[in-house]
Amino acid sequence: MKSSGTSSSPRRVVVAVDESEESMHALSWCLSNVVSAAKAAKAPPPAVVLVHARPSRALYYPAIDGAEYVLTQEVRDSMDRYTASAAETVVTKAKSVCTAFPNVRVETCVEQGDPRDVICGAAEKAGADMLVMGSRGNGFLQRALMGSVSNHCVQNCKCPVVVVKRPHKAARHHGS
């Protein structure tokens, strides 16, 4: 029933997910806006591809005293088990958010590496029509020191990228 024409093919939306509140907010935004828009247009719901980047395994650990300590195989294996477990937790949580939209096909992609490369690569491999990701709202100095994953993706992904701003916290009273 799927034709080769793009007009009748469901869209593919990649959503970058991690342990942050901002990424789950971006996923909820995507489901509420992109999926609902497809339903309103009587179009097939998009396939949602959840992408999670596991951190690369460190071979050594820089210490405060300037020395570098080589990690034993046992420690590296333990770190791998932890990051695999953390990735599974993130993907499970993201899939549970998607259950409110039962007609949406959900796919997952978990890869090890720099989030910038993993997310852009996964979007290209998935043939994404759109990438949706959260923004941590880091300030200028944090972005300058650490780089911005969302900025990198906006500049380097071949598909449109929607960066969903972090949700506003409850209004706080700031003294005048």
C-alpha atoms as a PDB file:
ATOM      1  CA  MET A   1       0.000   0.000   0.000  1.00  0.00           C
ATOM      2  CA  LYS A   2       2.993   2.275   0.471  1.00  0.00           C
ATOM      3  CA  SER A   3       3.750   4.068  -2.762  1.00  0.00           C
ATOM      4  CA  SER A   4       7.028   5.511  -3.901  1.00  0.00           C
ATOM      5  CA  GLY A   5       5.606   9.030  -3.899  1.00  0.00           C
ATOM      6  CA  THR A   6       6.558  11.101  -0.901  1.00  0.00           C
ATOM      7  CA  SER A   7       3.064  12.588  -0.554  1.00  0.00           C
ATOM      8  CA  SER A   8       1.510   9.294   0.595  1.00  0.00           C
ATOM      9  CA  SER A   9       4.537   7.988   2.489  1.00  0.00           C
ATOM     10  CA  PRO A  10       4.520   8.660   6.204  1.00  0.00           C
ATOM     11  CA  ARG A  11       6.996  11.247   7.351  1.00  0.00           C
ATOM     12  CA  ARG A  12       9.972  10.150   9.432  1.00  0.00           C
ATOM     13  CA  VAL A  13      10.724  12.320  12.427  1.00  0.00           C
ATOM     14  CA  VAL A  14      13.881  11.720  14.439  1.00  0.00           C
ATOM     15  CA  VAL A  15      13.763  12.818  18.075  1.00  0.00           C
ATOM     16  CA  ALA A  16      16.976  13.013  20.102  1.00  0.00           C
ATOM     17  CA  VAL A  17      16.422  11.715  23.629  1.00  0.00           C
ATOM     18  CA  ASP A  18      18.608  11.614  26.707  1.00  0.00           C
ATOM     19  CA  GLU A  19      18.063  11.663  30.455  1.00  0.00           C
ATOM     20  CA  SER A  20      17.168  15.356  30.508  1.00  0.00           C
ATOM     21  CA  GLU A  21      13.790  16.918  31.128  1.00  0.00           C
ATOM     22  CA  GLU A  22      14.358  19.026  28.014  1.00  0.00           C
ATOM     23  CA  SER A  23      14.576  16.038  25.667  1.00  0.00           C
ATOM     24  CA  MET A  24      11.356  14.520  27.039  1.00  0.00           C
ATOM     25  CA  HIS A  25       9.699  17.917  26.643  1.00  0.00           C
ATOM     26  CA  ALA A  26      10.864  18.008  22.998  1.00  0.00           C
ATOM     27  CA  LEU A  27       9.441  14.512  22.440  1.00  0.00           C
ATOM     28  CA  SER A  28       6.101  15.528  23.965  1.00  0.00           C
ATOM     29  CA  TRP A  29       6.116  18.671  21.807  1.00  0.00           C
ATOM     30  CA  CYS A  30       6.765  16.568  18.699  1.00  0.00           C
ATOM     31  CA  LEU A  31       3.952  14.160  19.477  1.00  0.00           C
ATOM     32  CA  SER A  32       1.518  16.945  20.343  1.00  0.00           C
ATOM     33  CA  ASN A  33       2.325  19.074  17.301  1.00  0.00           C
ATOM     34  CA  VAL A  34       3.736  17.011  14.442  1.00  0.00           C
ATOM     35  CA  VAL A  35       1.641  13.898  15.040  1.00  0.00           C
ATOM     36  CA  SER A  36      -1.521  15.865  15.738  1.00  0.00           C
ATOM     37  CA  ALA A  37      -0.970  17.963  12.591  1.00  0.00           C
ATOM     38  CA  ALA A  38      -0.746  14.791  10.502  1.00  0.00           C
ATOM     39  CA  LYS A  39      -3.979  13.525  12.047  1.00  0.00           C
ATOM     40  CA  ALA A  40      -5.731  16.852  11.375  1.00  0.00           C
ATOM     41  CA  ALA A  41      -4.545  16.717   7.751  1.00  0.00           C
ATOM     42  CA  LYS A  42      -5.799  13.114   7.496  1.00  0.00           C
ATOM     43  CA  ALA A  43      -2.237  12.064   6.642  1.00  0.00           C
ATOM     44  CA  PRO A  44      -0.616   8.909   7.969  1.00  0.00           C
ATOM     45  CA  PRO A  45       1.082   9.478  11.322  1.00  0.00           C
ATOM     46  CA  PRO A  46       4.832   9.955  11.059  1.00  0.00           C
ATOM     47  CA  ALA A  47       7.241   7.271  12.157  1.00  0.00           C
ATOM     48  CA  VAL A  48       9.076   8.543  15.209  1.00  0.00           C
ATOM     49  CA  VAL A  49      12.707   7.443  15.512  1.00  0.00           C
ATOM     50  CA  LEU A  50      14.055   7.865  19.042  1.00  0.00           C
ATOM     51  CA  VAL A  51      17.828   8.421  18.962  1.00  0.00           C
ATOM     52  CA  HIS A  52      20.050   8.144  22.020  1.00  0.00           C
ATOM     53  CA  ALA A  53      23.820   8.623  22.070  1.00  0.00           C
ATOM     54  CA  ARG A  54      25.736   6.580  24.632  1.00  0.00           C
ATOM     55  CA  PRO A  55      28.965   8.266  25.731  1.00  0.00           C
ATOM     56  CA  SER A  56      32.165   6.809  24.335  1.00  0.00           C
ATOM     57  CA  ARG A  57      34.163   4.689  26.699  1.00  0.00           C
ATOM     58  CA  ALA A  58      37.162   6.393  28.277  1.00  0.00           C
ATOM     59  CA  LEU A  59      40.438   4.497  28.340  1.00  0.00           C
ATOM     60  CA  TYR A  60      42.016   6.723  30.957  1.00  0.00           C
ATOM     61  CA  TYR A  61      40.821   9.098  33.617  1.00  0.00           C
ATOM     62  CA  PRO A  62      42.496  12.466  34.182  1.00  0.00           C
ATOM     63  CA  ALA A  63      42.973  13.086  37.897  1.00  0.00           C
ATOM     64  CA  ILE A  64      43.106  16.360  39.791  1.00  0.00           C
ATOM     65  CA  ASP A  65      46.843  16.013  40.436  1.00  0.00           C
ATOM     66  CA  GLY A  66      47.556  16.126  36.688  1.00  0.00           C
ATOM     67  CA  ALA A  67      48.328  12.425  36.372  1.00  0.00           C
ATOM     68  CA  GLU A  68      46.340  10.153  34.116  1.00  0.00           C
ATOM     69  CA  TYR A  69      45.137   6.795  35.348  1.00  0.00           C
ATOM     70  CA  VAL A  70      44.513   3.936  32.943  1.00  0.00           C
ATOM     71  CA  LEU A  71      41.204   2.262  33.638  1.00  0.00           C
ATOM     72  CA  THR A  72      41.238  -1.490  34.096  1.00  0.00           C
ATOM     73  CA  GLN A  73      39.186  -3.718  31.814  1.00  0.00           C
ATOM     74  CA  GLU A  74      36.901  -4.491  34.761  1.00  0.00           C
ATOM     75  CA  VAL A  75      36.204  -0.786  35.323  1.00  0.00           C
ATOM     76  CA  ARG A  76      35.617  -0.198  31.591  1.00  0.00           C
ATOM     77  CA  ASP A  77      33.221  -3.184  31.444  1.00  0.00           C
ATOM     78  CA  SER A  78      31.370  -1.832  34.461  1.00  0.00           C
ATOM     79  CA  MET A  79      31.089   1.583  32.792  1.00  0.00           C
ATOM     80  CA  ASP A  80      29.761  -0.085  29.613  1.00  0.00           C
ATOM     81  CA  ARG A  81      27.107  -1.948  31.622  1.00  0.00           C
ATOM     82  CA  TYR A  82      26.093   1.285  33.321  1.00  0.00           C
ATOM     83  CA  THR A  83      25.790   3.284  30.085  1.00  0.00           C
ATOM     84  CA  ALA A  84      23.852   0.432  28.432  1.00  0.00           C
ATOM     85  CA  SER A  85      21.465   0.342  31.389  1.00  0.00           C
ATOM     86  CA  ALA A  86      21.097   4.128  31.348  1.00  0.00           C
ATOM     87  CA  ALA A  87      20.397   4.062  27.591  1.00  0.00           C
ATOM     88  CA  GLU A  88      17.738   1.382  28.078  1.00  0.00           C
ATOM     89  CA  THR A  89      16.100   3.481  30.810  1.00  0.00           C
ATOM     90  CA  VAL A  90      16.036   6.581  28.589  1.00  0.00           C
ATOM     91  CA  VAL A  91      14.580   4.700  25.601  1.00  0.00           C
ATOM     92  CA  THR A  92      11.975   2.948  27.774  1.00  0.00           C
ATOM     93  CA  LYS A  93      10.883   6.291  29.255  1.00  0.00           C
ATOM     94  CA  ALA A  94      10.673   7.867  25.786  1.00  0.00           C
ATOM     95  CA  LYS A  95       8.652   4.929  24.436  1.00  0.00           C
ATOM     96  CA  SER A  96       6.232   5.268  27.353  1.00  0.00           C
ATOM     97  CA  VAL A  97       5.678   8.938  26.410  1.00  0.00           C
ATOM     98  CA  CYS A  98       4.762   7.738  22.912  1.00  0.00           C
ATOM     99  CA  THR A  99       2.069   5.336  24.147  1.00  0.00           C
ATOM    100  CA  ALA A 100      -0.413   8.226  24.269  1.00  0.00           C
ATOM    101  CA  PHE A 101      -0.278   8.115  20.444  1.00  0.00           C
ATOM    102  CA  PRO A 102      -0.984   4.438  19.663  1.00  0.00           C
ATOM    103  CA  ASN A 103      -1.041   4.868  15.860  1.00  0.00           C
ATOM    104  CA  VAL A 104       2.524   6.177  15.762  1.00  0.00           C
ATOM    105  CA  ARG A 105       5.198   3.682  14.785  1.00  0.00           C
ATOM    106  CA  VAL A 106       8.161   4.098  17.126  1.00  0.00           C
ATOM    107  CA  GLU A 107      11.666   2.995  16.198  1.00  0.00           C
ATOM    108  CA  THR A 108      14.781   3.291  18.319  1.00  0.00           C
ATOM    109  CA  CYS A 109      18.446   3.872  17.598  1.00  0.00           C
ATOM    110  CA  VAL A 110      21.092   3.724  20.327  1.00  0.00           C
ATOM    111  CA  GLU A 111      24.687   4.276  19.276  1.00  0.00           C
ATOM    112  CA  GLN A 112      27.890   4.972  21.129  1.00  0.00           C
ATOM    113  CA  GLY A 113      29.715   8.194  20.346  1.00  0.00           C
ATOM    114  CA  ASP A 114      29.627  11.955  20.423  1.00  0.00           C
ATOM    115  CA  PRO A 115      25.952  13.037  20.499  1.00  0.00           C
ATOM    116  CA  ARG A 116      26.558  15.537  17.681  1.00  0.00           C
ATOM    117  CA  ASP A 117      27.780  12.817  15.331  1.00  0.00           C
ATOM    118  CA  VAL A 118      25.328  10.142  16.479  1.00  0.00           C
ATOM    119  CA  ILE A 119      22.264  12.381  16.089  1.00  0.00           C
ATOM    120  CA  CYS A 120      23.226  13.794  12.682  1.00  0.00           C
ATOM    121  CA  GLY A 121      24.230  10.336  11.427  1.00  0.00           C
ATOM    122  CA  ALA A 122      21.015   8.724  12.676  1.00  0.00           C
ATOM    123  CA  ALA A 123      18.886  11.429  11.056  1.00  0.00           C
ATOM    124  CA  GLU A 124      20.604  10.841   7.730  1.00  0.00           C
ATOM    125  CA  LYS A 125      20.399   7.016   7.978  1.00  0.00           C
ATOM    126  CA  ALA A 126      16.721   7.193   8.929  1.00  0.00           C
ATOM    127  CA  GLY A 127      15.914   9.414   5.941  1.00  0.00           C
ATOM    128  CA  ALA A 128      14.494  11.950   8.395  1.00  0.00           C
ATOM    129  CA  ASP A 129      12.074  14.575   7.201  1.00  0.00           C
ATOM    130  CA  MET A 130      12.717  16.445  10.447  1.00  0.00           C
ATOM    131  CA  LEU A 131      14.900  16.281  13.562  1.00  0.00           C
ATOM    132  CA  VAL A 132      13.407  17.418  16.857  1.00  0.00           C
ATOM    133  CA  MET A 133      15.582  18.004  19.890  1.00  0.00           C
ATOM    134  CA  GLY A 134      15.525  19.849  23.168  1.00  0.00           C
ATOM    135  CA  SER A 135      17.676  22.747  24.214  1.00  0.00           C
ATOM    136  CA  ARG A 136      19.248  22.866  27.636  1.00  0.00           C
ATOM    137  CA  GLY A 137      19.384  26.648  27.475  1.00  0.00           C
ATOM    138  CA  ASN A 138      23.072  26.828  28.343  1.00  0.00           C
ATOM    139  CA  GLY A 139      24.529  30.293  28.562  1.00  0.00           C
ATOM    140  CA  PHE A 140      27.188  31.725  26.280  1.00  0.00           C
ATOM    141  CA  LEU A 141      30.126  30.548  28.396  1.00  0.00           C
ATOM    142  CA  GLN A 142      28.838  26.954  28.693  1.00  0.00           C
ATOM    143  CA  ARG A 143      28.225  26.791  24.935  1.00  0.00           C
ATOM    144  CA  ALA A 144      31.686  28.228  24.237  1.00  0.00           C
ATOM    145  CA  LEU A 145      33.407  25.694  26.506  1.00  0.00           C
ATOM    146  CA  MET A 146      31.342  22.569  25.824  1.00  0.00           C
ATOM    147  CA  GLY A 147      29.802  23.296  22.458  1.00  0.00           C
ATOM    148  CA  SER A 148      26.131  23.042  21.720  1.00  0.00           C
ATOM    149  CA  VAL A 149      24.775  19.763  20.398  1.00  0.00           C
ATOM    150  CA  SER A 150      21.644  21.466  19.063  1.00  0.00           C
ATOM    151  CA  ASN A 151      23.688  24.191  17.325  1.00  0.00           C
ATOM    152  CA  HIS A 152      25.894  21.554  15.699  1.00  0.00           C
ATOM    153  CA  CYS A 153      22.841  19.656  14.458  1.00  0.00           C
ATOM    154  CA  VAL A 154      21.196  22.825  13.108  1.00  0.00           C
ATOM    155  CA  GLN A 155      24.380  23.585  11.154  1.00  0.00           C
ATOM    156  CA  ASN A 156      25.166  20.054   9.931  1.00  0.00           C
ATOM    157  CA  CYS A 157      21.997  17.977   9.532  1.00  0.00           C
ATOM    158  CA  LYS A 158      20.618  17.660   6.029  1.00  0.00           C
ATOM    159  CA  CYS A 159      16.993  17.810   7.213  1.00  0.00           C
ATOM    160  CA  PRO A 160      15.167  20.643   8.976  1.00  0.00           C
ATOM    161  CA  VAL A 161      15.922  20.781  12.705  1.00  0.00           C
ATOM    162  CA  VAL A 162      13.431  21.973  15.309  1.00  0.00           C
ATOM    163  CA  VAL A 163      15.000  22.945  18.623  1.00  0.00           C
ATOM    164  CA  VAL A 164      12.367  23.007  21.351  1.00  0.00           C
ATOM    165  CA  LYS A 165      13.207  25.432  24.129  1.00  0.00           C
ATOM    166  CA  ARG A 166      13.274  24.147  27.663  1.00  0.00           C
ATOM    167  CA  PRO A 167       9.967  24.382  29.501  1.00  0.00           C
ATOM    168  CA  HIS A 168       9.582  27.359  31.771  1.00  0.00           C
ATOM    169  CA  LYS A 169       9.840  26.590  35.455  1.00  0.00           C
ATOM    170  CA  ALA A 170       7.140  27.911  37.750  1.00  0.00           C
ATOM    171  CA  ALA A 171       7.459  31.671  37.994  1.00  0.00           C
ATOM    172  CA  ARG A 172       9.786  32.661  40.789  1.00  0.00           C
ATOM    173  CA  HIS A 173       9.801  35.907  42.622  1.00  0.00           C
ATOM    174  CA  HIS A 174      13.075  37.746  42.172  1.00  0.00           C
ATOM    175  CA  GLY A 175      13.702  40.561  44.596  1.00  0.00           C
ATOM    176  CA  SER A 176      13.876  44.023  43.028  1.00  0.00           C
END
